[in-house]
Amino acid sequence: MSEQMSNEQFQQLMTRLDHIEGNMVKKSDVFQSVLTVQGFMFAIVVGVVVVLNSLIGFG
């Protein structure tokens, strides 16, 4: 590979890197959403257990 890169090659490379970065951001957003949903589910389960425990001595 030559040391000199044409402007067109540079633009293609930058476009490719932008697409890769965009895909990584999308995957990160999905992962964060899943973690948030799991966190809420955990909080709901803990809340239900606490309420049941206080009402009827469950657990």
PDB file of N, CA and C in Angstrom:
ATOM      1  N   MET A   1       0.846  -1.183   0.000  1.00  0.00           N
ATOM      2  CA  MET A   1       0.000   0.000   0.000  1.00  0.00           C
ATOM      3  C   MET A   1       0.886   1.238   0.000  1.00  0.00           C
ATOM      4  N   SER A   2       0.568   2.166  -0.828  1.00  0.00           N
ATOM      5  CA  SER A   2       1.398   3.365  -0.945  1.00  0.00           C
ATOM      6  C   SER A   2       1.177   4.283   0.250  1.00  0.00           C
ATOM      7  N   GLU A   3       2.172   5.107   0.522  1.00  0.00           N
ATOM      8  CA  GLU A   3       2.088   6.054   1.637  1.00  0.00           C
ATOM      9  C   GLU A   3       1.068   7.153   1.353  1.00  0.00           C
ATOM     10  N   GLN A   4       0.981   7.548   0.076  1.00  0.00           N
ATOM     11  CA  GLN A   4       0.081   8.634  -0.301  1.00  0.00           C
ATOM     12  C   GLN A   4      -1.325   8.080  -0.548  1.00  0.00           C
ATOM     13  N   MET A   5      -2.297   8.727  -0.002  1.00  0.00           N
ATOM     14  CA  MET A   5      -3.684   8.317  -0.202  1.00  0.00           C
ATOM     15  C   MET A   5      -4.399   9.443  -0.937  1.00  0.00           C
ATOM     16  N   SER A   6      -5.120   9.069  -1.961  1.00  0.00           N
ATOM     17  CA  SER A   6      -5.836  10.104  -2.704  1.00  0.00           C
ATOM     18  C   SER A   6      -6.999  10.627  -1.856  1.00  0.00           C
ATOM     19  N   ASN A   7      -7.474  11.792  -2.217  1.00  0.00           N
ATOM     20  CA  ASN A   7      -8.584  12.404  -1.482  1.00  0.00           C
ATOM     21  C   ASN A   7      -9.829  11.517  -1.552  1.00  0.00           C
ATOM     22  N   GLU A   8     -10.045  10.897  -2.707  1.00  0.00           N
ATOM     23  CA  GLU A   8     -11.210  10.019  -2.873  1.00  0.00           C
ATOM     24  C   GLU A   8     -11.118   8.807  -1.944  1.00  0.00           C
ATOM     25  N   GLN A   9      -9.928   8.202  -1.867  1.00  0.00           N
ATOM     26  CA  GLN A   9      -9.740   7.062  -0.972  1.00  0.00           C
ATOM     27  C   GLN A   9      -9.948   7.476   0.482  1.00  0.00           C
ATOM     28  N   PHE A  10      -9.449   8.657   0.817  1.00  0.00           N
ATOM     29  CA  PHE A  10      -9.601   9.158   2.182  1.00  0.00           C
ATOM     30  C   PHE A  10     -11.081   9.347   2.521  1.00  0.00           C
ATOM     31  N   GLN A  11     -11.834   9.917   1.581  1.00  0.00           N
ATOM     32  CA  GLN A  11     -13.268  10.131   1.813  1.00  0.00           C
ATOM     33  C   GLN A  11     -14.007   8.801   1.976  1.00  0.00           C
ATOM     34  N   GLN A  12     -13.634   7.808   1.158  1.00  0.00           N
ATOM     35  CA  GLN A  12     -14.266   6.486   1.282  1.00  0.00           C
ATOM     36  C   GLN A  12     -13.985   5.881   2.657  1.00  0.00           C
ATOM     37  N   LEU A  13     -12.742   6.010   3.096  1.00  0.00           N
ATOM     38  CA  LEU A  13     -12.357   5.472   4.396  1.00  0.00           C
ATOM     39  C   LEU A  13     -13.122   6.168   5.523  1.00  0.00           C
ATOM     40  N   MET A  14     -13.225   7.486   5.439  1.00  0.00           N
ATOM     41  CA  MET A  14     -13.930   8.236   6.475  1.00  0.00           C
ATOM     42  C   MET A  14     -15.423   7.879   6.493  1.00  0.00           C
ATOM     43  N   THR A  15     -16.005   7.697   5.308  1.00  0.00           N
ATOM     44  CA  THR A  15     -17.415   7.303   5.225  1.00  0.00           C
ATOM     45  C   THR A  15     -17.619   5.941   5.880  1.00  0.00           C
ATOM     46  N   ARG A  16     -16.706   5.020   5.597  1.00  0.00           N
ATOM     47  CA  ARG A  16     -16.792   3.682   6.172  1.00  0.00           C
ATOM     48  C   ARG A  16     -16.688   3.741   7.698  1.00  0.00           C
ATOM     49  N   LEU A  17     -15.748   4.539   8.192  1.00  0.00           N
ATOM     50  CA  LEU A  17     -15.583   4.671   9.643  1.00  0.00           C
ATOM     51  C   LEU A  17     -16.815   5.307  10.284  1.00  0.00           C
ATOM     52  N   ASP A  18     -17.423   6.269   9.598  1.00  0.00           N
ATOM     53  CA  ASP A  18     -18.651   6.891  10.108  1.00  0.00           C
ATOM     54  C   ASP A  18     -19.773   5.868  10.236  1.00  0.00           C
ATOM     55  N   HIS A  19     -19.893   4.977   9.224  1.00  0.00           N
ATOM     56  CA  HIS A  19     -20.923   3.933   9.276  1.00  0.00           C
ATOM     57  C   HIS A  19     -20.663   2.984  10.442  1.00  0.00           C
ATOM     58  N   ILE A  20     -19.397   2.602  10.626  1.00  0.00           N
ATOM     59  CA  ILE A  20     -19.049   1.698  11.724  1.00  0.00           C
ATOM     60  C   ILE A  20     -19.389   2.347  13.059  1.00  0.00           C
ATOM     61  N   GLU A  21     -19.020   3.614  13.194  1.00  0.00           N
ATOM     62  CA  GLU A  21     -19.299   4.337  14.437  1.00  0.00           C
ATOM     63  C   GLU A  21     -20.804   4.449  14.680  1.00  0.00           C
ATOM     64  N   GLY A  22     -21.558   4.728  13.627  1.00  0.00           N
ATOM     65  CA  GLY A  22     -23.010   4.825  13.749  1.00  0.00           C
ATOM     66  C   GLY A  22     -23.628   3.520  14.202  1.00  0.00           C
ATOM     67  N   ASN A  23     -23.151   2.401  13.643  1.00  0.00           N
ATOM     68  CA  ASN A  23     -23.666   1.090  14.043  1.00  0.00           C
ATOM     69  C   ASN A  23     -23.339   0.791  15.500  1.00  0.00           C
ATOM     70  N   MET A  24     -22.131   1.177  15.934  1.00  0.00           N
ATOM     71  CA  MET A  24     -21.743   0.951  17.324  1.00  0.00           C
ATOM     72  C   MET A  24     -22.638   1.749  18.264  1.00  0.00           C
ATOM     73  N   VAL A  25     -22.962   2.982  17.886  1.00  0.00           N
ATOM     74  CA  VAL A  25     -23.828   3.822  18.723  1.00  0.00           C
ATOM     75  C   VAL A  25     -25.220   3.207  18.817  1.00  0.00           C
ATOM     76  N   LYS A  26     -25.747   2.705  17.684  1.00  0.00           N
ATOM     77  CA  LYS A  26     -27.072   2.078  17.701  1.00  0.00           C
ATOM     78  C   LYS A  26     -27.082   0.866  18.625  1.00  0.00           C
ATOM     79  N   LYS A  27     -26.042   0.020  18.516  1.00  0.00           N
ATOM     80  CA  LYS A  27     -25.972  -1.164  19.363  1.00  0.00           C
ATOM     81  C   LYS A  27     -25.861  -0.764  20.826  1.00  0.00           C
ATOM     82  N   SER A  28     -25.101   0.280  21.099  1.00  0.00           N
ATOM     83  CA  SER A  28     -24.948   0.763  22.471  1.00  0.00           C
ATOM     84  C   SER A  28     -26.287   1.243  23.022  1.00  0.00           C
ATOM     85  N   ASP A  29     -27.060   1.958  22.199  1.00  0.00           N
ATOM     86  CA  ASP A  29     -28.372   2.448  22.633  1.00  0.00           C
ATOM     87  C   ASP A  29     -29.310   1.285  22.953  1.00  0.00           C
ATOM     88  N   VAL A  30     -29.293   0.257  22.101  1.00  0.00           N
ATOM     89  CA  VAL A  30     -30.151  -0.914  22.331  1.00  0.00           C
ATOM     90  C   VAL A  30     -29.748  -1.601  23.628  1.00  0.00           C
ATOM     91  N   PHE A  31     -28.439  -1.770  23.820  1.00  0.00           N
ATOM     92  CA  PHE A  31     -27.931  -2.423  25.025  1.00  0.00           C
ATOM     93  C   PHE A  31     -28.335  -1.637  26.268  1.00  0.00           C
ATOM     94  N   GLN A  32     -28.210  -0.318  26.204  1.00  0.00           N
ATOM     95  CA  GLN A  32     -28.579   0.536  27.334  1.00  0.00           C
ATOM     96  C   GLN A  32     -30.074   0.423  27.631  1.00  0.00           C
ATOM     97  N   SER A  33     -30.891   0.358  26.579  1.00  0.00           N
ATOM     98  CA  SER A  33     -32.340   0.222  26.768  1.00  0.00           C
ATOM     99  C   SER A  33     -32.676  -1.096  27.451  1.00  0.00           C
ATOM    100  N   VAL A  34     -32.013  -2.171  27.033  1.00  0.00           N
ATOM    101  CA  VAL A  34     -32.259  -3.483  27.641  1.00  0.00           C
ATOM    102  C   VAL A  34     -31.887  -3.450  29.118  1.00  0.00           C
ATOM    103  N   LEU A  35     -30.728  -2.842  29.429  1.00  0.00           N
ATOM    104  CA  LEU A  35     -30.312  -2.756  30.827  1.00  0.00           C
ATOM    105  C   LEU A  35     -31.300  -1.937  31.648  1.00  0.00           C
ATOM    106  N   THR A  36     -31.816  -0.864  31.069  1.00  0.00           N
ATOM    107  CA  THR A  36     -32.786  -0.023  31.774  1.00  0.00           C
ATOM    108  C   THR A  36     -34.064  -0.808  32.069  1.00  0.00           C
ATOM    109  N   VAL A  37     -34.554  -1.544  31.072  1.00  0.00           N
ATOM    110  CA  VAL A  37     -35.768  -2.350  31.258  1.00  0.00           C
ATOM    111  C   VAL A  37     -35.536  -3.405  32.334  1.00  0.00           C
ATOM    112  N   GLN A  38     -34.371  -4.063  32.297  1.00  0.00           N
ATOM    113  CA  GLN A  38     -34.075  -5.079  33.311  1.00  0.00           C
ATOM    114  C   GLN A  38     -34.010  -4.454  34.701  1.00  0.00           C
ATOM    115  N   GLY A  39     -33.440  -3.248  34.783  1.00  0.00           N
ATOM    116  CA  GLY A  39     -33.373  -2.544  36.061  1.00  0.00           C
ATOM    117  C   GLY A  39     -34.753  -2.246  36.610  1.00  0.00           C
ATOM    118  N   PHE A  40     -35.656  -1.787  35.738  1.00  0.00           N
ATOM    119  CA  PHE A  40     -37.028  -1.511  36.168  1.00  0.00           C
ATOM    120  C   PHE A  40     -37.742  -2.787  36.602  1.00  0.00           C
ATOM    121  N   MET A  41     -37.538  -3.870  35.859  1.00  0.00           N
ATOM    122  CA  MET A  41     -38.172  -5.136  36.223  1.00  0.00           C
ATOM    123  C   MET A  41     -37.691  -5.596  37.594  1.00  0.00           C
ATOM    124  N   PHE A  42     -36.393  -5.478  37.831  1.00  0.00           N
ATOM    125  CA  PHE A  42     -35.835  -5.864  39.130  1.00  0.00           C
ATOM    126  C   PHE A  42     -36.439  -5.014  40.248  1.00  0.00           C
ATOM    127  N   ALA A  43     -36.542  -3.710  40.001  1.00  0.00           N
ATOM    128  CA  ALA A  43     -37.112  -2.805  41.006  1.00  0.00           C
ATOM    129  C   ALA A  43     -38.569  -3.157  41.291  1.00  0.00           C
ATOM    130  N   ILE A  44     -39.323  -3.512  40.251  1.00  0.00           N
ATOM    131  CA  ILE A  44     -40.733  -3.882  40.431  1.00  0.00           C
ATOM    132  C   ILE A  44     -40.845  -5.161  41.260  1.00  0.00           C
ATOM    133  N   VAL A  45     -40.015  -6.154  40.943  1.00  0.00           N
ATOM    134  CA  VAL A  45     -40.054  -7.419  41.692  1.00  0.00           C
ATOM    135  C   VAL A  45     -39.712  -7.171  43.157  1.00  0.00           C
ATOM    136  N   VAL A  46     -38.657  -6.391  43.405  1.00  0.00           N
ATOM    137  CA  VAL A  46     -38.275  -6.088  44.787  1.00  0.00           C
ATOM    138  C   VAL A  46     -39.406  -5.344  45.498  1.00  0.00           C
ATOM    139  N   GLY A  47     -40.023  -4.394  44.801  1.00  0.00           N
ATOM    140  CA  GLY A  47     -41.133  -3.646  45.388  1.00  0.00           C
ATOM    141  C   GLY A  47     -42.300  -4.541  45.744  1.00  0.00           C
ATOM    142  N   VAL A  48     -42.638  -5.464  44.868  1.00  0.00           N
ATOM    143  CA  VAL A  48     -43.748  -6.392  45.131  1.00  0.00           C
ATOM    144  C   VAL A  48     -43.422  -7.267  46.337  1.00  0.00           C
ATOM    145  N   VAL A  49     -42.194  -7.761  46.416  1.00  0.00           N
ATOM    146  CA  VAL A  49     -41.804  -8.601  47.553  1.00  0.00           C
ATOM    147  C   VAL A  49     -41.894  -7.812  48.857  1.00  0.00           C
ATOM    148  N   VAL A  50     -41.436  -6.568  48.832  1.00  0.00           N
ATOM    149  CA  VAL A  50     -41.490  -5.731  50.043  1.00  0.00           C
ATOM    150  C   VAL A  50     -42.942  -5.493  50.462  1.00  0.00           C
ATOM    151  N   VAL A  51     -43.804  -5.195  49.491  1.00  0.00           N
ATOM    152  CA  VAL A  51     -45.219  -4.952  49.808  1.00  0.00           C
ATOM    153  C   VAL A  51     -45.868  -6.211  50.360  1.00  0.00           C
ATOM    154  N   LEU A  52     -45.624  -7.351  49.709  1.00  0.00           N
ATOM    155  CA  LEU A  52     -46.201  -8.605  50.197  1.00  0.00           C
ATOM    156  C   LEU A  52     -45.687  -8.930  51.594  1.00  0.00           C
ATOM    157  N   ASN A  53     -44.415  -8.691  51.808  1.00  0.00           N
ATOM    158  CA  ASN A  53     -43.815  -8.968  53.111  1.00  0.00           C
ATOM    159  C   ASN A  53     -44.465  -8.119  54.197  1.00  0.00           C
ATOM    160  N   SER A  54     -44.715  -6.858  53.886  1.00  0.00           N
ATOM    161  CA  SER A  54     -45.312  -5.976  54.896  1.00  0.00           C
ATOM    162  C   SER A  54     -46.796  -6.287  55.109  1.00  0.00           C
ATOM    163  N   LEU A  55     -47.482  -6.759  54.085  1.00  0.00           N
ATOM    164  CA  LEU A  55     -48.922  -7.014  54.205  1.00  0.00           C
ATOM    165  C   LEU A  55     -49.228  -8.351  54.866  1.00  0.00           C
ATOM    166  N   ILE A  56     -48.573  -9.412  54.381  1.00  0.00           N
ATOM    167  CA  ILE A  56     -48.973 -10.751  54.844  1.00  0.00           C
ATOM    168  C   ILE A  56     -47.805 -11.560  55.403  1.00  0.00           C
ATOM    169  N   GLY A  57     -46.676 -10.928  55.598  1.00  0.00           N
ATOM    170  CA  GLY A  57     -45.538 -11.657  56.141  1.00  0.00           C
ATOM    171  C   GLY A  57     -44.969 -12.668  55.175  1.00  0.00           C
ATOM    172  N   PHE A  58     -45.042 -12.351  53.890  1.00  0.00           N
ATOM    173  CA  PHE A  58     -44.522 -13.256  52.855  1.00  0.00           C
ATOM    174  C   PHE A  58     -42.999 -13.279  52.927  1.00  0.00           C
ATOM    175  N   GLY A  59     -42.407 -14.472  52.801  1.00  0.00           N
ATOM    176  CA  GLY A  59     -40.949 -14.569  52.764  1.00  0.00           C
ATOM    177  C   GLY A  59     -40.416 -14.751  54.073  1.00  0.00           C
TER     178      GLY A  59
END
